[in-house]
Amino acid sequence: MGDPACWLDRLCPDCSAMLDDVTSQSTVICWRCGAQIRFDDDGPTSV
C-alpha cells in the first residue's frame, strides 16, 4: 500500500474523522460515527 501522507492513515474510513491513539496492530472505536476500526499493515479498515 505504501506510506500514507502525513496523517491520512489516522482517518476513520467511514466518516473521515481524525482518530486518537492510533497504533499499528490496534482496534479503536471512532468517536464520531462509532465504527470499530482495525489498523494493520494495510491501513485502517472497518470491522
PDB file of N, CA and C in Angstrom:
ATOM      1  N   MET A   1       0.833  -1.186   0.000  1.00  0.00           N
ATOM      2  CA  MET A   1       0.000   0.000   0.000  1.00  0.00           C
ATOM      3  C   MET A   1       0.877   1.248   0.000  1.00  0.00           C
ATOM      4  N   GLY A   2       2.080   1.172   0.492  1.00  0.00           N
ATOM      5  CA  GLY A   2       2.943   2.351   0.519  1.00  0.00           C
ATOM      6  C   GLY A   2       2.741   3.172   1.772  1.00  0.00           C
ATOM      7  N   ASP A   3       3.564   4.164   1.938  1.00  0.00           N
ATOM      8  CA  ASP A   3       3.468   5.036   3.107  1.00  0.00           C
ATOM      9  C   ASP A   3       2.424   6.119   2.881  1.00  0.00           C
ATOM     10  N   PRO A   4       1.464   6.268   3.810  1.00  0.00           N
ATOM     11  CA  PRO A   4       0.449   7.313   3.681  1.00  0.00           C
ATOM     12  C   PRO A   4       1.057   8.684   3.948  1.00  0.00           C
ATOM     13  N   ALA A   5       0.482   9.681   3.329  1.00  0.00           N
ATOM     14  CA  ALA A   5       0.945  11.054   3.545  1.00  0.00           C
ATOM     15  C   ALA A   5       0.515  11.520   4.927  1.00  0.00           C
ATOM     16  N   CYS A   6       1.468  11.980   5.699  1.00  0.00           N
ATOM     17  CA  CYS A   6       1.221  12.655   6.969  1.00  0.00           C
ATOM     18  C   CYS A   6       0.256  11.886   7.872  1.00  0.00           C
ATOM     19  N   TRP A   7      -0.969  12.376   8.059  1.00  0.00           N
ATOM     20  CA  TRP A   7      -1.929  11.803   8.996  1.00  0.00           C
ATOM     21  C   TRP A   7      -3.078  11.078   8.310  1.00  0.00           C
ATOM     22  N   LEU A   8      -3.038  10.888   7.011  1.00  0.00           N
ATOM     23  CA  LEU A   8      -4.164  10.285   6.298  1.00  0.00           C
ATOM     24  C   LEU A   8      -4.491   8.873   6.770  1.00  0.00           C
ATOM     25  N   ASP A   9      -3.502   8.153   7.288  1.00  0.00           N
ATOM     26  CA  ASP A   9      -3.767   6.799   7.776  1.00  0.00           C
ATOM     27  C   ASP A   9      -4.418   6.790   9.149  1.00  0.00           C
ATOM     28  N   ARG A  10      -4.692   7.963   9.721  1.00  0.00           N
ATOM     29  CA  ARG A  10      -5.339   8.065  11.035  1.00  0.00           C
ATOM     30  C   ARG A  10      -6.801   8.476  10.925  1.00  0.00           C
ATOM     31  N   LEU A  11      -7.366   8.480   9.695  1.00  0.00           N
ATOM     32  CA  LEU A  11      -8.756   8.870   9.486  1.00  0.00           C
ATOM     33  C   LEU A  11      -9.671   7.653   9.506  1.00  0.00           C
ATOM     34  N   CYS A  12     -10.877   7.845  10.040  1.00  0.00           N
ATOM     35  CA  CYS A  12     -11.894   6.806  10.009  1.00  0.00           C
ATOM     36  C   CYS A  12     -12.304   6.588   8.550  1.00  0.00           C
ATOM     37  N   PRO A  13     -12.289   5.340   8.057  1.00  0.00           N
ATOM     38  CA  PRO A  13     -12.673   5.094   6.674  1.00  0.00           C
ATOM     39  C   PRO A  13     -14.165   5.308   6.411  1.00  0.00           C
ATOM     40  N   ASP A  14     -14.992   5.353   7.466  1.00  0.00           N
ATOM     41  CA  ASP A  14     -16.426   5.542   7.289  1.00  0.00           C
ATOM     42  C   ASP A  14     -16.850   7.006   7.276  1.00  0.00           C
ATOM     43  N   CYS A  15     -16.259   7.836   8.168  1.00  0.00           N
ATOM     44  CA  CYS A  15     -16.715   9.226   8.274  1.00  0.00           C
ATOM     45  C   CYS A  15     -15.593  10.253   8.161  1.00  0.00           C
ATOM     46  N   SER A  16     -14.362   9.799   8.023  1.00  0.00           N
ATOM     47  CA  SER A  16     -13.178  10.658   7.859  1.00  0.00           C
ATOM     48  C   SER A  16     -12.795  11.465   9.096  1.00  0.00           C
ATOM     49  N   ALA A  17     -13.301  11.083  10.263  1.00  0.00           N
ATOM     50  CA  ALA A  17     -12.902  11.764  11.500  1.00  0.00           C
ATOM     51  C   ALA A  17     -11.462  11.391  11.843  1.00  0.00           C
ATOM     52  N   MET A  18     -10.733  12.324  12.460  1.00  0.00           N
ATOM     53  CA  MET A  18      -9.373  12.046  12.929  1.00  0.00           C
ATOM     54  C   MET A  18      -9.468  11.212  14.197  1.00  0.00           C
ATOM     55  N   LEU A  19      -8.821  10.059  14.209  1.00  0.00           N
ATOM     56  CA  LEU A  19      -8.883   9.145  15.343  1.00  0.00           C
ATOM     57  C   LEU A  19      -7.720   9.374  16.287  1.00  0.00           C
ATOM     58  N   ASP A  20      -7.972   9.229  17.577  1.00  0.00           N
ATOM     59  CA  ASP A  20      -6.950   9.408  18.602  1.00  0.00           C
ATOM     60  C   ASP A  20      -6.300   8.074  18.941  1.00  0.00           C
ATOM     61  N   ASP A  21      -5.073   8.136  19.430  1.00  0.00           N
ATOM     62  CA  ASP A  21      -4.362   6.965  19.962  1.00  0.00           C
ATOM     63  C   ASP A  21      -4.294   5.796  18.986  1.00  0.00           C
ATOM     64  N   VAL A  22      -3.988   6.089  17.750  1.00  0.00           N
ATOM     65  CA  VAL A  22      -3.869   5.044  16.742  1.00  0.00           C
ATOM     66  C   VAL A  22      -2.460   4.465  16.779  1.00  0.00           C
ATOM     67  N   THR A  23      -2.392   3.154  16.968  1.00  0.00           N
ATOM     68  CA  THR A  23      -1.108   2.464  16.900  1.00  0.00           C
ATOM     69  C   THR A  23      -1.251   1.291  15.942  1.00  0.00           C
ATOM     70  N   SER A  24      -0.157   0.869  15.394  1.00  0.00           N
ATOM     71  CA  SER A  24      -0.175  -0.270  14.485  1.00  0.00           C
ATOM     72  C   SER A  24      -0.692  -1.502  15.221  1.00  0.00           C
ATOM     73  N   GLN A  25      -1.450  -2.326  14.525  1.00  0.00           N
ATOM     74  CA  GLN A  25      -1.994  -3.569  15.073  1.00  0.00           C
ATOM     75  C   GLN A  25      -2.988  -3.320  16.202  1.00  0.00           C
ATOM     76  N   SER A  26      -3.763  -2.229  16.143  1.00  0.00           N
ATOM     77  CA  SER A  26      -4.741  -1.951  17.190  1.00  0.00           C
ATOM     78  C   SER A  26      -6.138  -1.794  16.596  1.00  0.00           C
ATOM     79  N   THR A  27      -7.137  -1.814  17.467  1.00  0.00           N
ATOM     80  CA  THR A  27      -8.524  -1.579  17.080  1.00  0.00           C
ATOM     81  C   THR A  27      -9.067  -0.466  17.964  1.00  0.00           C
ATOM     82  N   VAL A  28      -9.728   0.524  17.362  1.00  0.00           N
ATOM     83  CA  VAL A  28     -10.292   1.645  18.105  1.00  0.00           C
ATOM     84  C   VAL A  28     -11.735   1.873  17.664  1.00  0.00           C
ATOM     85  N   ILE A  29     -12.486   2.599  18.491  1.00  0.00           N
ATOM     86  CA  ILE A  29     -13.854   2.996  18.180  1.00  0.00           C
ATOM     87  C   ILE A  29     -13.830   4.458  17.761  1.00  0.00           C
ATOM     88  N   CYS A  30     -14.430   4.761  16.618  1.00  0.00           N
ATOM     89  CA  CYS A  30     -14.483   6.139  16.137  1.00  0.00           C
ATOM     90  C   CYS A  30     -15.376   6.969  17.053  1.00  0.00           C
ATOM     91  N   TRP A  31     -14.871   8.113  17.478  1.00  0.00           N
ATOM     92  CA  TRP A  31     -15.620   8.992  18.378  1.00  0.00           C
ATOM     93  C   TRP A  31     -16.815   9.630  17.672  1.00  0.00           C
ATOM     94  N   ARG A  32     -16.782   9.758  16.351  1.00  0.00           N
ATOM     95  CA  ARG A  32     -17.866  10.428  15.629  1.00  0.00           C
ATOM     96  C   ARG A  32     -18.983   9.466  15.225  1.00  0.00           C
ATOM     97  N   CYS A  33     -18.639   8.377  14.546  1.00  0.00           N
ATOM     98  CA  CYS A  33     -19.683   7.503  13.996  1.00  0.00           C
ATOM     99  C   CYS A  33     -19.827   6.174  14.738  1.00  0.00           C
ATOM    100  N   GLY A  34     -18.897   5.863  15.654  1.00  0.00           N
ATOM    101  CA  GLY A  34     -18.985   4.642  16.436  1.00  0.00           C
ATOM    102  C   GLY A  34     -18.474   3.394  15.735  1.00  0.00           C
ATOM    103  N   ALA A  35     -17.901   3.545  14.554  1.00  0.00           N
ATOM    104  CA  ALA A  35     -17.374   2.390  13.824  1.00  0.00           C
ATOM    105  C   ALA A  35     -16.170   1.807  14.555  1.00  0.00           C
ATOM    106  N   GLN A  36     -16.056   0.491  14.498  1.00  0.00           N
ATOM    107  CA  GLN A  36     -14.879  -0.172  15.054  1.00  0.00           C
ATOM    108  C   GLN A  36     -13.862  -0.269  13.925  1.00  0.00           C
ATOM    109  N   ILE A  37     -12.694   0.321  14.133  1.00  0.00           N
ATOM    110  CA  ILE A  37     -11.677   0.434  13.098  1.00  0.00           C
ATOM    111  C   ILE A  37     -10.447  -0.368  13.500  1.00  0.00           C
ATOM    112  N   ARG A  38      -9.997  -1.225  12.603  1.00  0.00           N
ATOM    113  CA  ARG A  38      -8.782  -2.010  12.833  1.00  0.00           C
ATOM    114  C   ARG A  38      -7.650  -1.403  12.012  1.00  0.00           C
ATOM    115  N   PHE A  39      -6.497  -1.265  12.632  1.00  0.00           N
ATOM    116  CA  PHE A  39      -5.307  -0.744  11.966  1.00  0.00           C
ATOM    117  C   PHE A  39      -4.282  -1.855  11.865  1.00  0.00           C
ATOM    118  N   ASP A  40      -3.852  -2.122  10.639  1.00  0.00           N
ATOM    119  CA  ASP A  40      -2.814  -3.123  10.421  1.00  0.00           C
ATOM    120  C   ASP A  40      -1.906  -2.654   9.295  1.00  0.00           C
ATOM    121  N   ASP A  41      -1.147  -3.547   8.727  1.00  0.00           N
ATOM    122  CA  ASP A  41      -0.190  -3.168   7.689  1.00  0.00           C
ATOM    123  C   ASP A  41      -0.858  -2.616   6.432  1.00  0.00           C
ATOM    124  N   ASP A  42      -2.142  -2.928   6.209  1.00  0.00           N
ATOM    125  CA  ASP A  42      -2.866  -2.445   5.035  1.00  0.00           C
ATOM    126  C   ASP A  42      -3.591  -1.129   5.280  1.00  0.00           C
ATOM    127  N   GLY A  43      -3.461  -0.563   6.475  1.00  0.00           N
ATOM    128  CA  GLY A  43      -4.128   0.689   6.812  1.00  0.00           C
ATOM    129  C   GLY A  43      -5.415   0.451   7.577  1.00  0.00           C
ATOM    130  N   PRO A  44      -6.226   1.497   7.775  1.00  0.00           N
ATOM    131  CA  PRO A  44      -7.455   1.376   8.552  1.00  0.00           C
ATOM    132  C   PRO A  44      -8.570   0.691   7.764  1.00  0.00           C
ATOM    133  N   THR A  45      -9.292  -0.210   8.432  1.00  0.00           N
ATOM    134  CA  THR A  45     -10.447  -0.871   7.836  1.00  0.00           C
ATOM    135  C   THR A  45     -11.546  -0.990   8.882  1.00  0.00           C
ATOM    136  N   SER A  46     -12.793  -0.911   8.440  1.00  0.00           N
ATOM    137  CA  SER A  46     -13.934  -1.102   9.336  1.00  0.00           C
ATOM    138  C   SER A  46     -14.074  -2.580   9.646  1.00  0.00           C
ATOM    139  N   VAL A  47     -14.407  -2.860  10.905  1.00  0.00           N
ATOM    140  CA  VAL A  47     -14.566  -4.255  11.327  1.00  0.00           C
ATOM    141  C   VAL A  47     -16.033  -4.610  11.314  1.00  0.00           C
TER     142      VAL A  47
END
